[in-house]
Amino acid sequence: MRRRLARKELKALKAEARSVSKFKEISYKLENKVVELTQSLQRRTQEKKEIEGKLAELEKQLEAMTSRYEEADSRAKNLQAQLNSSNESLIRKTSFFKLRRTSSGNWRRPSRRLQRRRNRS
């Protein structure tokens, strides 16, 4: 009877020892997995910071380029308006001088009345 009890106890101790070693093995694997995941998380966090920095830099460049484009566009519109007004003025003067020209090709001096009108405008 003692022998049977001793064998049962031995079996129980062996099973317990196996479960403890299995538990240690599983625990070791889980620790490795935690370390691996922690390193992966740190790497991804660093990559995210780098990408956010690049994004901020690109947004600044976009803003600068947009403002430069708007300034250039505004300047082009102003220059076009000046050109249009200069062309209109030139057309008026040219047509005026064509009318003032005499048949012999000489230029007549404009009357004082006409000179006063020009000075007013």
PDB file of N, CA and C in Angstrom:
ATOM      1  N   MET A   1       0.804  -1.163   0.000  1.00  0.00           N
ATOM      2  CA  MET A   1       0.000   0.000   0.000  1.00  0.00           C
ATOM      3  C   MET A   1       0.870   1.259   0.000  1.00  0.00           C
ATOM      4  N   ARG A   2       1.906   1.268   0.771  1.00  0.00           N
ATOM      5  CA  ARG A   2       2.807   2.414   0.773  1.00  0.00           C
ATOM      6  C   ARG A   2       3.404   2.626  -0.604  1.00  0.00           C
ATOM      7  N   ARG A   3       3.705   1.497  -1.245  1.00  0.00           N
ATOM      8  CA  ARG A   3       4.298   1.577  -2.564  1.00  0.00           C
ATOM      9  C   ARG A   3       3.334   2.289  -3.532  1.00  0.00           C
ATOM     10  N   ARG A   4       2.099   1.916  -3.511  1.00  0.00           N
ATOM     11  CA  ARG A   4       1.124   2.542  -4.398  1.00  0.00           C
ATOM     12  C   ARG A   4       1.000   4.036  -4.111  1.00  0.00           C
ATOM     13  N   LEU A   5       0.917   4.360  -2.869  1.00  0.00           N
ATOM     14  CA  LEU A   5       0.822   5.778  -2.501  1.00  0.00           C
ATOM     15  C   LEU A   5       2.070   6.534  -2.949  1.00  0.00           C
ATOM     16  N   ALA A   6       3.231   5.900  -2.779  1.00  0.00           N
ATOM     17  CA  ALA A   6       4.478   6.535  -3.185  1.00  0.00           C
ATOM     18  C   ALA A   6       4.498   6.736  -4.698  1.00  0.00           C
ATOM     19  N   ARG A   7       4.047   5.729  -5.450  1.00  0.00           N
ATOM     20  CA  ARG A   7       4.023   5.852  -6.910  1.00  0.00           C
ATOM     21  C   ARG A   7       3.038   6.948  -7.339  1.00  0.00           C
ATOM     22  N   LYS A   8       1.877   6.998  -6.729  1.00  0.00           N
ATOM     23  CA  LYS A   8       0.908   8.036  -7.052  1.00  0.00           C
ATOM     24  C   LYS A   8       1.497   9.414  -6.768  1.00  0.00           C
ATOM     25  N   GLU A   9       2.151   9.503  -5.630  1.00  0.00           N
ATOM     26  CA  GLU A   9       2.767  10.778  -5.255  1.00  0.00           C
ATOM     27  C   GLU A   9       3.868  11.141  -6.236  1.00  0.00           C
ATOM     28  N   LEU A  10       4.672  10.149  -6.643  1.00  0.00           N
ATOM     29  CA  LEU A  10       5.740  10.380  -7.612  1.00  0.00           C
ATOM     30  C   LEU A  10       5.154  10.830  -8.946  1.00  0.00           C
ATOM     31  N   LYS A  11       4.097  10.187  -9.410  1.00  0.00           N
ATOM     32  CA  LYS A  11       3.445  10.581 -10.659  1.00  0.00           C
ATOM     33  C   LYS A  11       2.933  12.016 -10.567  1.00  0.00           C
ATOM     34  N   ALA A  12       2.326  12.337  -9.459  1.00  0.00           N
ATOM     35  CA  ALA A  12       1.795  13.682  -9.266  1.00  0.00           C
ATOM     36  C   ALA A  12       2.923  14.710  -9.276  1.00  0.00           C
ATOM     37  N   LEU A  13       4.040  14.389  -8.604  1.00  0.00           N
ATOM     38  CA  LEU A  13       5.179  15.309  -8.575  1.00  0.00           C
ATOM     39  C   LEU A  13       5.780  15.474  -9.966  1.00  0.00           C
ATOM     40  N   LYS A  14       5.888  14.369 -10.725  1.00  0.00           N
ATOM     41  CA  LYS A  14       6.426  14.449 -12.087  1.00  0.00           C
ATOM     42  C   LYS A  14       5.509  15.298 -12.971  1.00  0.00           C
ATOM     43  N   ALA A  15       4.215  15.085 -12.859  1.00  0.00           N
ATOM     44  CA  ALA A  15       3.258  15.864 -13.650  1.00  0.00           C
ATOM     45  C   ALA A  15       3.354  17.340 -13.288  1.00  0.00           C
ATOM     46  N   GLU A  16       3.486  17.596 -12.009  1.00  0.00           N
ATOM     47  CA  GLU A  16       3.618  18.988 -11.557  1.00  0.00           C
ATOM     48  C   GLU A  16       4.906  19.596 -12.081  1.00  0.00           C
ATOM     49  N   ALA A  17       5.991  18.831 -12.047  1.00  0.00           N
ATOM     50  CA  ALA A  17       7.276  19.316 -12.545  1.00  0.00           C
ATOM     51  C   ALA A  17       7.178  19.619 -14.040  1.00  0.00           C
ATOM     52  N   ARG A  18       6.488  18.713 -14.767  1.00  0.00           N
ATOM     53  CA  ARG A  18       6.324  18.958 -16.203  1.00  0.00           C
ATOM     54  C   ARG A  18       5.499  20.215 -16.439  1.00  0.00           C
ATOM     55  N   SER A  19       4.454  20.390 -15.680  1.00  0.00           N
ATOM     56  CA  SER A  19       3.617  21.571 -15.876  1.00  0.00           C
ATOM     57  C   SER A  19       4.377  22.842 -15.498  1.00  0.00           C
ATOM     58  N   VAL A  20       5.225  22.786 -14.485  1.00  0.00           N
ATOM     59  CA  VAL A  20       6.033  23.951 -14.104  1.00  0.00           C
ATOM     60  C   VAL A  20       7.028  24.272 -15.208  1.00  0.00           C
ATOM     61  N   SER A  21       7.702  23.237 -15.735  1.00  0.00           N
ATOM     62  CA  SER A  21       8.671  23.501 -16.807  1.00  0.00           C
ATOM     63  C   SER A  21       7.947  24.007 -18.061  1.00  0.00           C
ATOM     64  N   LYS A  22       6.768  23.462 -18.322  1.00  0.00           N
ATOM     65  CA  LYS A  22       5.972  23.930 -19.465  1.00  0.00           C
ATOM     66  C   LYS A  22       5.560  25.388 -19.242  1.00  0.00           C
ATOM     67  N   PHE A  23       5.173  25.693 -18.022  1.00  0.00           N
ATOM     68  CA  PHE A  23       4.798  27.056 -17.680  1.00  0.00           C
ATOM     69  C   PHE A  23       5.982  28.000 -17.869  1.00  0.00           C
ATOM     70  N   LYS A  24       7.188  27.567 -17.418  1.00  0.00           N
ATOM     71  CA  LYS A  24       8.385  28.394 -17.589  1.00  0.00           C
ATOM     72  C   LYS A  24       8.681  28.615 -19.067  1.00  0.00           C
ATOM     73  N   GLU A  25       8.520  27.564 -19.859  1.00  0.00           N
ATOM     74  CA  GLU A  25       8.770  27.668 -21.297  1.00  0.00           C
ATOM     75  C   GLU A  25       7.794  28.653 -21.944  1.00  0.00           C
ATOM     76  N   ILE A  26       6.530  28.519 -21.599  1.00  0.00           N
ATOM     77  CA  ILE A  26       5.517  29.431 -22.142  1.00  0.00           C
ATOM     78  C   ILE A  26       5.791  30.860 -21.681  1.00  0.00           C
ATOM     79  N   SER A  27       6.149  30.993 -20.419  1.00  0.00           N
ATOM     80  CA  SER A  27       6.462  32.310 -19.869  1.00  0.00           C
ATOM     81  C   SER A  27       7.643  32.936 -20.611  1.00  0.00           C
ATOM     82  N   TYR A  28       8.677  32.146 -20.885  1.00  0.00           N
ATOM     83  CA  TYR A  28       9.858  32.626 -21.607  1.00  0.00           C
ATOM     84  C   TYR A  28       9.470  33.079 -23.017  1.00  0.00           C
ATOM     85  N   LYS A  29       8.645  32.281 -23.714  1.00  0.00           N
ATOM     86  CA  LYS A  29       8.208  32.645 -25.058  1.00  0.00           C
ATOM     87  C   LYS A  29       7.398  33.937 -25.045  1.00  0.00           C
ATOM     88  N   LEU A  30       6.541  34.063 -24.039  1.00  0.00           N
ATOM     89  CA  LEU A  30       5.730  35.278 -23.940  1.00  0.00           C
ATOM     90  C   LEU A  30       6.589  36.510 -23.663  1.00  0.00           C
ATOM     91  N   GLU A  31       7.614  36.342 -22.823  1.00  0.00           N
ATOM     92  CA  GLU A  31       8.530  37.456 -22.559  1.00  0.00           C
ATOM     93  C   GLU A  31       9.226  37.882 -23.844  1.00  0.00           C
ATOM     94  N   ASN A  32       9.677  36.908 -24.630  1.00  0.00           N
ATOM     95  CA  ASN A  32      10.324  37.232 -25.907  1.00  0.00           C
ATOM     96  C   ASN A  32       9.362  37.966 -26.841  1.00  0.00           C
ATOM     97  N   LYS A  33       8.130  37.516 -26.851  1.00  0.00           N
ATOM     98  CA  LYS A  33       7.123  38.152 -27.698  1.00  0.00           C
ATOM     99  C   LYS A  33       6.875  39.592 -27.245  1.00  0.00           C
ATOM    100  N   VAL A  34       6.830  39.814 -25.937  1.00  0.00           N
ATOM    101  CA  VAL A  34       6.636  41.167 -25.398  1.00  0.00           C
ATOM    102  C   VAL A  34       7.799  42.065 -25.807  1.00  0.00           C
ATOM    103  N   VAL A  35       9.024  41.552 -25.694  1.00  0.00           N
ATOM    104  CA  VAL A  35      10.204  42.333 -26.079  1.00  0.00           C
ATOM    105  C   VAL A  35      10.143  42.669 -27.569  1.00  0.00           C
ATOM    106  N   GLU A  36       9.794  41.689 -28.383  1.00  0.00           N
ATOM    107  CA  GLU A  36       9.702  41.893 -29.831  1.00  0.00           C
ATOM    108  C   GLU A  36       8.648  42.944 -30.169  1.00  0.00           C
ATOM    109  N   LEU A  37       7.489  42.850 -29.536  1.00  0.00           N
ATOM    110  CA  LEU A  37       6.419  43.814 -29.792  1.00  0.00           C
ATOM    111  C   LEU A  37       6.798  45.219 -29.313  1.00  0.00           C
ATOM    112  N   THR A  38       7.503  45.292 -28.191  1.00  0.00           N
ATOM    113  CA  THR A  38       7.949  46.593 -27.676  1.00  0.00           C
ATOM    114  C   THR A  38       8.911  47.249 -28.656  1.00  0.00           C
ATOM    115  N   GLN A  39       9.853  46.471 -29.176  1.00  0.00           N
ATOM    116  CA  GLN A  39      10.808  47.007 -30.149  1.00  0.00           C
ATOM    117  C   GLN A  39      10.096  47.453 -31.423  1.00  0.00           C
ATOM    118  N   SER A  40       9.139  46.659 -31.861  1.00  0.00           N
ATOM    119  CA  SER A  40       8.367  47.010 -33.056  1.00  0.00           C
ATOM    120  C   SER A  40       7.589  48.310 -32.833  1.00  0.00           C
ATOM    121  N   LEU A  41       6.997  48.444 -31.661  1.00  0.00           N
ATOM    122  CA  LEU A  41       6.249  49.658 -31.330  1.00  0.00           C
ATOM    123  C   LEU A  41       7.166  50.877 -31.309  1.00  0.00           C
ATOM    124  N   GLN A  42       8.340  50.739 -30.716  1.00  0.00           N
ATOM    125  CA  GLN A  42       9.290  51.846 -30.676  1.00  0.00           C
ATOM    126  C   GLN A  42       9.726  52.244 -32.088  1.00  0.00           C
ATOM    127  N   ARG A  43       9.985  51.250 -32.933  1.00  0.00           N
ATOM    128  CA  ARG A  43      10.402  51.526 -34.306  1.00  0.00           C
ATOM    129  C   ARG A  43       9.299  52.265 -35.062  1.00  0.00           C
ATOM    130  N   ARG A  44       8.066  51.800 -34.907  1.00  0.00           N
ATOM    131  CA  ARG A  44       6.946  52.447 -35.595  1.00  0.00           C
ATOM    132  C   ARG A  44       6.691  53.854 -35.065  1.00  0.00           C
ATOM    133  N   THR A  45       6.866  54.036 -33.775  1.00  0.00           N
ATOM    134  CA  THR A  45       6.702  55.371 -33.192  1.00  0.00           C
ATOM    135  C   THR A  45       7.733  56.326 -33.779  1.00  0.00           C
ATOM    136  N   GLN A  46       8.967  55.859 -33.902  1.00  0.00           N
ATOM    137  CA  GLN A  46      10.028  56.681 -34.485  1.00  0.00           C
ATOM    138  C   GLN A  46       9.718  57.003 -35.952  1.00  0.00           C
ATOM    139  N   GLU A  47       9.269  56.015 -36.706  1.00  0.00           N
ATOM    140  CA  GLU A  47       8.908  56.240 -38.108  1.00  0.00           C
ATOM    141  C   GLU A  47       7.777  57.258 -38.220  1.00  0.00           C
ATOM    142  N   LYS A  48       6.807  57.165 -37.316  1.00  0.00           N
ATOM    143  CA  LYS A  48       5.678  58.095 -37.331  1.00  0.00           C
ATOM    144  C   LYS A  48       6.163  59.520 -37.084  1.00  0.00           C
ATOM    145  N   LYS A  49       7.079  59.695 -36.131  1.00  0.00           N
ATOM    146  CA  LYS A  49       7.616  61.027 -35.850  1.00  0.00           C
ATOM    147  C   LYS A  49       8.340  61.583 -37.068  1.00  0.00           C
ATOM    148  N   GLU A  50       9.131  60.740 -37.739  1.00  0.00           N
ATOM    149  CA  GLU A  50       9.852  61.182 -38.930  1.00  0.00           C
ATOM    150  C   GLU A  50       8.878  61.591 -40.037  1.00  0.00           C
ATOM    151  N   ILE A  51       7.841  60.794 -40.230  1.00  0.00           N
ATOM    152  CA  ILE A  51       6.858  61.095 -41.273  1.00  0.00           C
ATOM    153  C   ILE A  51       6.106  62.383 -40.945  1.00  0.00           C
ATOM    154  N   GLU A  52       5.758  62.576 -39.676  1.00  0.00           N
ATOM    155  CA  GLU A  52       5.063  63.807 -39.282  1.00  0.00           C
ATOM    156  C   GLU A  52       5.955  65.023 -39.501  1.00  0.00           C
ATOM    157  N   GLY A  53       7.258  64.878 -39.227  1.00  0.00           N
ATOM    158  CA  GLY A  53       8.192  65.972 -39.477  1.00  0.00           C
ATOM    159  C   GLY A  53       8.271  66.312 -40.956  1.00  0.00           C
ATOM    160  N   LYS A  54       8.359  65.281 -41.793  1.00  0.00           N
ATOM    161  CA  LYS A  54       8.398  65.507 -43.240  1.00  0.00           C
ATOM    162  C   LYS A  54       7.102  66.144 -43.719  1.00  0.00           C
ATOM    163  N   LEU A  55       5.979  65.689 -43.163  1.00  0.00           N
ATOM    164  CA  LEU A  55       4.680  66.242 -43.542  1.00  0.00           C
ATOM    165  C   LEU A  55       4.603  67.730 -43.193  1.00  0.00           C
ATOM    166  N   ALA A  56       5.063  68.083 -42.011  1.00  0.00           N
ATOM    167  CA  ALA A  56       5.039  69.493 -41.598  1.00  0.00           C
ATOM    168  C   ALA A  56       5.910  70.331 -42.533  1.00  0.00           C
ATOM    169  N   GLU A  57       7.073  69.802 -42.892  1.00  0.00           N
ATOM    170  CA  GLU A  57       7.973  70.515 -43.799  1.00  0.00           C
ATOM    171  C   GLU A  57       7.321  70.696 -45.174  1.00  0.00           C
ATOM    172  N   LEU A  58       6.687  69.648 -45.677  1.00  0.00           N
ATOM    173  CA  LEU A  58       6.027  69.733 -46.979  1.00  0.00           C
ATOM    174  C   LEU A  58       4.842  70.697 -46.943  1.00  0.00           C
ATOM    175  N   GLU A  59       4.130  70.742 -45.817  1.00  0.00           N
ATOM    176  CA  GLU A  59       3.015  71.686 -45.696  1.00  0.00           C
ATOM    177  C   GLU A  59       3.525  73.126 -45.721  1.00  0.00           C
ATOM    178  N   LYS A  60       4.666  73.374 -45.069  1.00  0.00           N
ATOM    179  CA  LYS A  60       5.255  74.718 -45.106  1.00  0.00           C
ATOM    180  C   LYS A  60       5.661  75.082 -46.528  1.00  0.00           C
ATOM    181  N   GLN A  61       6.272  74.130 -47.236  1.00  0.00           N
ATOM    182  CA  GLN A  61       6.671  74.388 -48.617  1.00  0.00           C
ATOM    183  C   GLN A  61       5.450  74.674 -49.490  1.00  0.00           C
ATOM    184  N   LEU A  62       4.386  73.908 -49.285  1.00  0.00           N
ATOM    185  CA  LEU A  62       3.159  74.117 -50.055  1.00  0.00           C
ATOM    186  C   LEU A  62       2.583  75.504 -49.784  1.00  0.00           C
ATOM    187  N   GLU A  63       2.577  75.895 -48.522  1.00  0.00           N
ATOM    188  CA  GLU A  63       2.054  77.213 -48.158  1.00  0.00           C
ATOM    189  C   GLU A  63       2.890  78.319 -48.800  1.00  0.00           C
ATOM    190  N   ALA A  64       4.218  78.158 -48.768  1.00  0.00           N
ATOM    191  CA  ALA A  64       5.100  79.159 -49.371  1.00  0.00           C
ATOM    192  C   ALA A  64       4.882  79.229 -50.880  1.00  0.00           C
ATOM    193  N   MET A  65       4.769  78.081 -51.512  1.00  0.00           N
ATOM    194  CA  MET A  65       4.560  78.068 -52.964  1.00  0.00           C
ATOM    195  C   MET A  65       3.205  78.654 -53.334  1.00  0.00           C
ATOM    196  N   THR A  66       2.196  78.383 -52.522  1.00  0.00           N
ATOM    197  CA  THR A  66       0.869  78.931 -52.778  1.00  0.00           C
ATOM    198  C   THR A  66       0.898  80.453 -52.683  1.00  0.00           C
ATOM    199  N   SER A  67       1.557  80.978 -51.668  1.00  0.00           N
ATOM    200  CA  SER A  67       1.617  82.438 -51.524  1.00  0.00           C
ATOM    201  C   SER A  67       2.430  83.050 -52.665  1.00  0.00           C
ATOM    202  N   ARG A  68       3.518  82.375 -53.075  1.00  0.00           N
ATOM    203  CA  ARG A  68       4.306  82.883 -54.206  1.00  0.00           C
ATOM    204  C   ARG A  68       3.471  82.888 -55.483  1.00  0.00           C
ATOM    205  N   TYR A  69       2.680  81.832 -55.674  1.00  0.00           N
ATOM    206  CA  TYR A  69       1.821  81.760 -56.859  1.00  0.00           C
ATOM    207  C   TYR A  69       0.793  82.886 -56.838  1.00  0.00           C
ATOM    208  N   GLU A  70       0.172  83.107 -55.675  1.00  0.00           N
ATOM    209  CA  GLU A  70      -0.840  84.157 -55.575  1.00  0.00           C
ATOM    210  C   GLU A  70      -0.231  85.531 -55.833  1.00  0.00           C
ATOM    211  N   GLU A  71       0.979  85.763 -55.314  1.00  0.00           N
ATOM    212  CA  GLU A  71       1.655  87.039 -55.559  1.00  0.00           C
ATOM    213  C   GLU A  71       1.965  87.208 -57.040  1.00  0.00           C
ATOM    214  N   ALA A  72       2.478  86.153 -57.669  1.00  0.00           N
ATOM    215  CA  ALA A  72       2.810  86.224 -59.090  1.00  0.00           C
ATOM    216  C   ALA A  72       1.552  86.428 -59.927  1.00  0.00           C
ATOM    217  N   ASP A  73       0.480  85.754 -59.574  1.00  0.00           N
ATOM    218  CA  ASP A  73      -0.779  85.893 -60.302  1.00  0.00           C
ATOM    219  C   ASP A  73      -1.320  87.313 -60.160  1.00  0.00           C
ATOM    220  N   SER A  74      -1.270  87.847 -58.955  1.00  0.00           N
ATOM    221  CA  SER A  74      -1.735  89.212 -58.713  1.00  0.00           C
ATOM    222  C   SER A  74      -0.895  90.208 -59.515  1.00  0.00           C
ATOM    223  N   ARG A  75       0.408  90.008 -59.501  1.00  0.00           N
ATOM    224  CA  ARG A  75       1.308  90.899 -60.241  1.00  0.00           C
ATOM    225  C   ARG A  75       1.024  90.811 -61.739  1.00  0.00           C
ATOM    226  N   ALA A  76       0.798  89.600 -62.245  1.00  0.00           N
ATOM    227  CA  ALA A  76       0.497  89.426 -63.668  1.00  0.00           C
ATOM    228  C   ALA A  76      -0.804  90.139 -64.033  1.00  0.00           C
ATOM    229  N   LYS A  77      -1.811  90.047 -63.166  1.00  0.00           N
ATOM    230  CA  LYS A  77      -3.079  90.726 -63.436  1.00  0.00           C
ATOM    231  C   LYS A  77      -2.894  92.241 -63.442  1.00  0.00           C
ATOM    232  N   ASN A  78      -2.104  92.758 -62.497  1.00  0.00           N
ATOM    233  CA  ASN A  78      -1.839  94.200 -62.461  1.00  0.00           C
ATOM    234  C   ASN A  78      -1.106  94.648 -63.720  1.00  0.00           C
ATOM    235  N   LEU A  79      -0.105  93.872 -64.123  1.00  0.00           N
ATOM    236  CA  LEU A  79       0.643  94.224 -65.330  1.00  0.00           C
ATOM    237  C   LEU A  79      -0.259  94.167 -66.560  1.00  0.00           C
ATOM    238  N   GLN A  80      -1.147  93.195 -66.619  1.00  0.00           N
ATOM    239  CA  GLN A  80      -2.083  93.092 -67.745  1.00  0.00           C
ATOM    240  C   GLN A  80      -3.013  94.301 -67.769  1.00  0.00           C
ATOM    241  N   ALA A  81      -3.480  94.717 -66.594  1.00  0.00           N
ATOM    242  CA  ALA A  81      -4.351  95.893 -66.520  1.00  0.00           C
ATOM    243  C   ALA A  81      -3.600  97.144 -66.971  1.00  0.00           C
ATOM    244  N   GLN A  82      -2.349  97.289 -66.544  1.00  0.00           N
ATOM    245  CA  GLN A  82      -1.540  98.433 -66.974  1.00  0.00           C
ATOM    246  C   GLN A  82      -1.331  98.414 -68.482  1.00  0.00           C
ATOM    247  N   LEU A  83      -1.061  97.237 -69.010  1.00  0.00           N
ATOM    248  CA  LEU A  83      -0.855  97.105 -70.450  1.00  0.00           C
ATOM    249  C   LEU A  83      -2.123  97.474 -71.205  1.00  0.00           C
ATOM    250  N   ASN A  84      -3.252  97.003 -70.723  1.00  0.00           N
ATOM    251  CA  ASN A  84      -4.525  97.328 -71.376  1.00  0.00           C
ATOM    252  C   ASN A  84      -4.789  98.829 -71.351  1.00  0.00           C
ATOM    253  N   SER A  85      -4.553  99.475 -70.203  1.00  0.00           N
ATOM    254  CA  SER A  85      -4.791 100.921 -70.123  1.00  0.00           C
ATOM    255  C   SER A  85      -3.797 101.678 -70.996  1.00  0.00           C
ATOM    256  N   SER A  86      -2.549 101.211 -71.061  1.00  0.00           N
ATOM    257  CA  SER A  86      -1.559 101.855 -71.930  1.00  0.00           C
ATOM    258  C   SER A  86      -1.961 101.709 -73.391  1.00  0.00           C
ATOM    259  N   ASN A  87      -2.444 100.533 -73.757  1.00  0.00           N
ATOM    260  CA  ASN A  87      -2.888 100.317 -75.137  1.00  0.00           C
ATOM    261  C   ASN A  87      -4.064 101.224 -75.475  1.00  0.00           C
ATOM    262  N   GLU A  88      -5.010 101.349 -74.555  1.00  0.00           N
ATOM    263  CA  GLU A  88      -6.159 102.221 -74.788  1.00  0.00           C
ATOM    264  C   GLU A  88      -5.712 103.667 -74.955  1.00  0.00           C
ATOM    265  N   SER A  89      -4.799 104.097 -74.106  1.00  0.00           N
ATOM    266  CA  SER A  89      -4.285 105.460 -74.186  1.00  0.00           C
ATOM    267  C   SER A  89      -3.566 105.679 -75.512  1.00  0.00           C
ATOM    268  N   LEU A  90      -2.769 104.717 -75.908  1.00  0.00           N
ATOM    269  CA  LEU A  90      -2.028 104.818 -77.164  1.00  0.00           C
ATOM    270  C   LEU A  90      -2.989 104.859 -78.345  1.00  0.00           C
ATOM    271  N   ILE A  91      -4.023 104.062 -78.301  1.00  0.00           N
ATOM    272  CA  ILE A  91      -5.017 104.061 -79.383  1.00  0.00           C
ATOM    273  C   ILE A  91      -5.714 105.410 -79.462  1.00  0.00           C
ATOM    274  N   ARG A  92      -6.082 105.981 -78.312  1.00  0.00           N
ATOM    275  CA  ARG A  92      -6.730 107.301 -78.303  1.00  0.00           C
ATOM    276  C   ARG A  92      -5.810 108.369 -78.885  1.00  0.00           C
ATOM    277  N   LYS A  93      -4.543 108.337 -78.469  1.00  0.00           N
ATOM    278  CA  LYS A  93      -3.594 109.343 -78.966  1.00  0.00           C
ATOM    279  C   LYS A  93      -3.356 109.172 -80.454  1.00  0.00           C
ATOM    280  N   THR A  94      -3.227 107.928 -80.892  1.00  0.00           N
ATOM    281  CA  THR A  94      -2.986 107.676 -82.306  1.00  0.00           C
ATOM    282  C   THR A  94      -4.168 108.147 -83.139  1.00  0.00           C
ATOM    283  N   SER A  95      -5.359 107.829 -82.695  1.00  0.00           N
ATOM    284  CA  SER A  95      -6.543 108.262 -83.449  1.00  0.00           C
ATOM    285  C   SER A  95      -6.672 109.782 -83.416  1.00  0.00           C
ATOM    286  N   PHE A  96      -6.300 110.397 -82.313  1.00  0.00           N
ATOM    287  CA  PHE A  96      -6.355 111.852 -82.216  1.00  0.00           C
ATOM    288  C   PHE A  96      -5.395 112.482 -83.215  1.00  0.00           C
ATOM    289  N   PHE A  97      -4.178 111.960 -83.270  1.00  0.00           N
ATOM    290  CA  PHE A  97      -3.191 112.542 -84.174  1.00  0.00           C
ATOM    291  C   PHE A  97      -3.540 112.271 -85.635  1.00  0.00           C
ATOM    292  N   LYS A  98      -4.192 111.183 -85.920  1.00  0.00           N
ATOM    293  CA  LYS A  98      -4.626 110.918 -87.288  1.00  0.00           C
ATOM    294  C   LYS A  98      -5.654 111.952 -87.715  1.00  0.00           C
ATOM    295  N   LEU A  99      -6.531 112.317 -86.802  1.00  0.00           N
ATOM    296  CA  LEU A  99      -7.539 113.323 -87.113  1.00  0.00           C
ATOM    297  C   LEU A  99      -6.925 114.712 -87.269  1.00  0.00           C
ATOM    298  N   ARG A 100      -5.874 114.996 -86.547  1.00  0.00           N
ATOM    299  CA  ARG A 100      -5.254 116.320 -86.548  1.00  0.00           C
ATOM    300  C   ARG A 100      -4.324 116.533 -87.736  1.00  0.00           C
ATOM    301  N   ARG A 101      -3.997 115.498 -88.397  1.00  0.00           N
ATOM    302  CA  ARG A 101      -3.047 115.590 -89.502  1.00  0.00           C
ATOM    303  C   ARG A 101      -3.708 116.316 -90.694  1.00  0.00           C
ATOM    304  N   THR A 102      -2.962 117.178 -91.323  1.00  0.00           N
ATOM    305  CA  THR A 102      -3.510 117.896 -92.482  1.00  0.00           C
ATOM    306  C   THR A 102      -3.275 117.096 -93.739  1.00  0.00           C
ATOM    307  N   SER A 103      -3.849 117.524 -94.807  1.00  0.00           N
ATOM    308  CA  SER A 103      -3.722 116.789 -96.062  1.00  0.00           C
ATOM    309  C   SER A 103      -2.297 116.836 -96.601  1.00  0.00           C
ATOM    310  N   SER A 104      -1.508 117.843 -96.262  1.00  0.00           N
ATOM    311  CA  SER A 104      -0.135 117.931 -96.773  1.00  0.00           C
ATOM    312  C   SER A 104       0.832 117.091 -95.950  1.00  0.00           C
ATOM    313  N   GLY A 105       0.341 116.522 -94.889  1.00  0.00           N
ATOM    314  CA  GLY A 105       1.199 115.669 -94.070  1.00  0.00           C
ATOM    315  C   GLY A 105       1.834 116.415 -92.921  1.00  0.00           C
ATOM    316  N   ASN A 106       1.602 117.730 -92.785  1.00  0.00           N
ATOM    317  CA  ASN A 106       2.161 118.500 -91.671  1.00  0.00           C
ATOM    318  C   ASN A 106       1.249 118.369 -90.462  1.00  0.00           C
ATOM    319  N   TRP A 107       1.809 118.614 -89.343  1.00  0.00           N
ATOM    320  CA  TRP A 107       1.029 118.561 -88.112  1.00  0.00           C
ATOM    321  C   TRP A 107       0.587 119.966 -87.756  1.00  0.00           C
ATOM    322  N   ARG A 108      -0.660 120.093 -87.379  1.00  0.00           N
ATOM    323  CA  ARG A 108      -1.139 121.386 -86.921  1.00  0.00           C
ATOM    324  C   ARG A 108      -1.025 121.448 -85.423  1.00  0.00           C
ATOM    325  N   ARG A 109      -0.789 122.624 -84.964  1.00  0.00           N
ATOM    326  CA  ARG A 109      -0.750 122.830 -83.525  1.00  0.00           C
ATOM    327  C   ARG A 109      -2.180 122.811 -83.008  1.00  0.00           C
ATOM    328  N   PRO A 110      -2.449 122.058 -81.908  1.00  0.00           N
ATOM    329  CA  PRO A 110      -3.816 122.011 -81.397  1.00  0.00           C
ATOM    330  C   PRO A 110      -4.256 123.368 -80.849  1.00  0.00           C
ATOM    331  N   SER A 111      -5.504 123.640 -80.942  1.00  0.00           N
ATOM    332  CA  SER A 111      -6.023 124.911 -80.460  1.00  0.00           C
ATOM    333  C   SER A 111      -5.916 124.979 -78.945  1.00  0.00           C
ATOM    334  N   ARG A 112      -5.977 126.213 -78.426  1.00  0.00           N
ATOM    335  CA  ARG A 112      -5.873 126.389 -76.974  1.00  0.00           C
ATOM    336  C   ARG A 112      -7.049 125.729 -76.261  1.00  0.00           C
ATOM    337  N   ARG A 113      -8.160 125.759 -76.872  1.00  0.00           N
ATOM    338  CA  ARG A 113      -9.335 125.140 -76.290  1.00  0.00           C
ATOM    339  C   ARG A 113      -9.122 123.625 -76.117  1.00  0.00           C
ATOM    340  N   LEU A 114      -8.541 122.993 -77.123  1.00  0.00           N
ATOM    341  CA  LEU A 114      -8.264 121.562 -77.064  1.00  0.00           C
ATOM    342  C   LEU A 114      -7.186 121.264 -76.020  1.00  0.00           C
ATOM    343  N   GLN A 115      -6.185 122.149 -75.937  1.00  0.00           N
ATOM    344  CA  GLN A 115      -5.134 121.959 -74.936  1.00  0.00           C
ATOM    345  C   GLN A 115      -5.714 122.031 -73.523  1.00  0.00           C
ATOM    346  N   ARG A 116      -6.640 122.946 -73.293  1.00  0.00           N
ATOM    347  CA  ARG A 116      -7.266 123.052 -71.980  1.00  0.00           C
ATOM    348  C   ARG A 116      -8.058 121.789 -71.647  1.00  0.00           C
ATOM    349  N   ARG A 117      -8.747 121.235 -72.621  1.00  0.00           N
ATOM    350  CA  ARG A 117      -9.502 120.003 -72.393  1.00  0.00           C
ATOM    351  C   ARG A 117      -8.570 118.863 -71.968  1.00  0.00           C
ATOM    352  N   ARG A 118      -7.445 118.765 -72.652  1.00  0.00           N
ATOM    353  CA  ARG A 118      -6.496 117.693 -72.313  1.00  0.00           C
ATOM    354  C   ARG A 118      -5.932 117.874 -70.910  1.00  0.00           C
ATOM    355  N   ASN A 119      -5.652 119.088 -70.548  1.00  0.00           N
ATOM    356  CA  ASN A 119      -5.091 119.354 -69.222  1.00  0.00           C
ATOM    357  C   ASN A 119      -6.089 119.012 -68.120  1.00  0.00           C
ATOM    358  N   ARG A 120      -7.368 119.171 -68.376  1.00  0.00           N
ATOM    359  CA  ARG A 120      -8.384 118.851 -67.377  1.00  0.00           C
ATOM    360  C   ARG A 120      -8.480 117.342 -67.139  1.00  0.00           C
ATOM    361  N   SER A 121      -8.339 116.546 -68.189  1.00  0.00           N
ATOM    362  CA  SER A 121      -8.510 115.107 -68.020  1.00  0.00           C
ATOM    363  C   SER A 121      -7.255 114.402 -67.687  1.00  0.00           C
TER     364      SER A 121
END
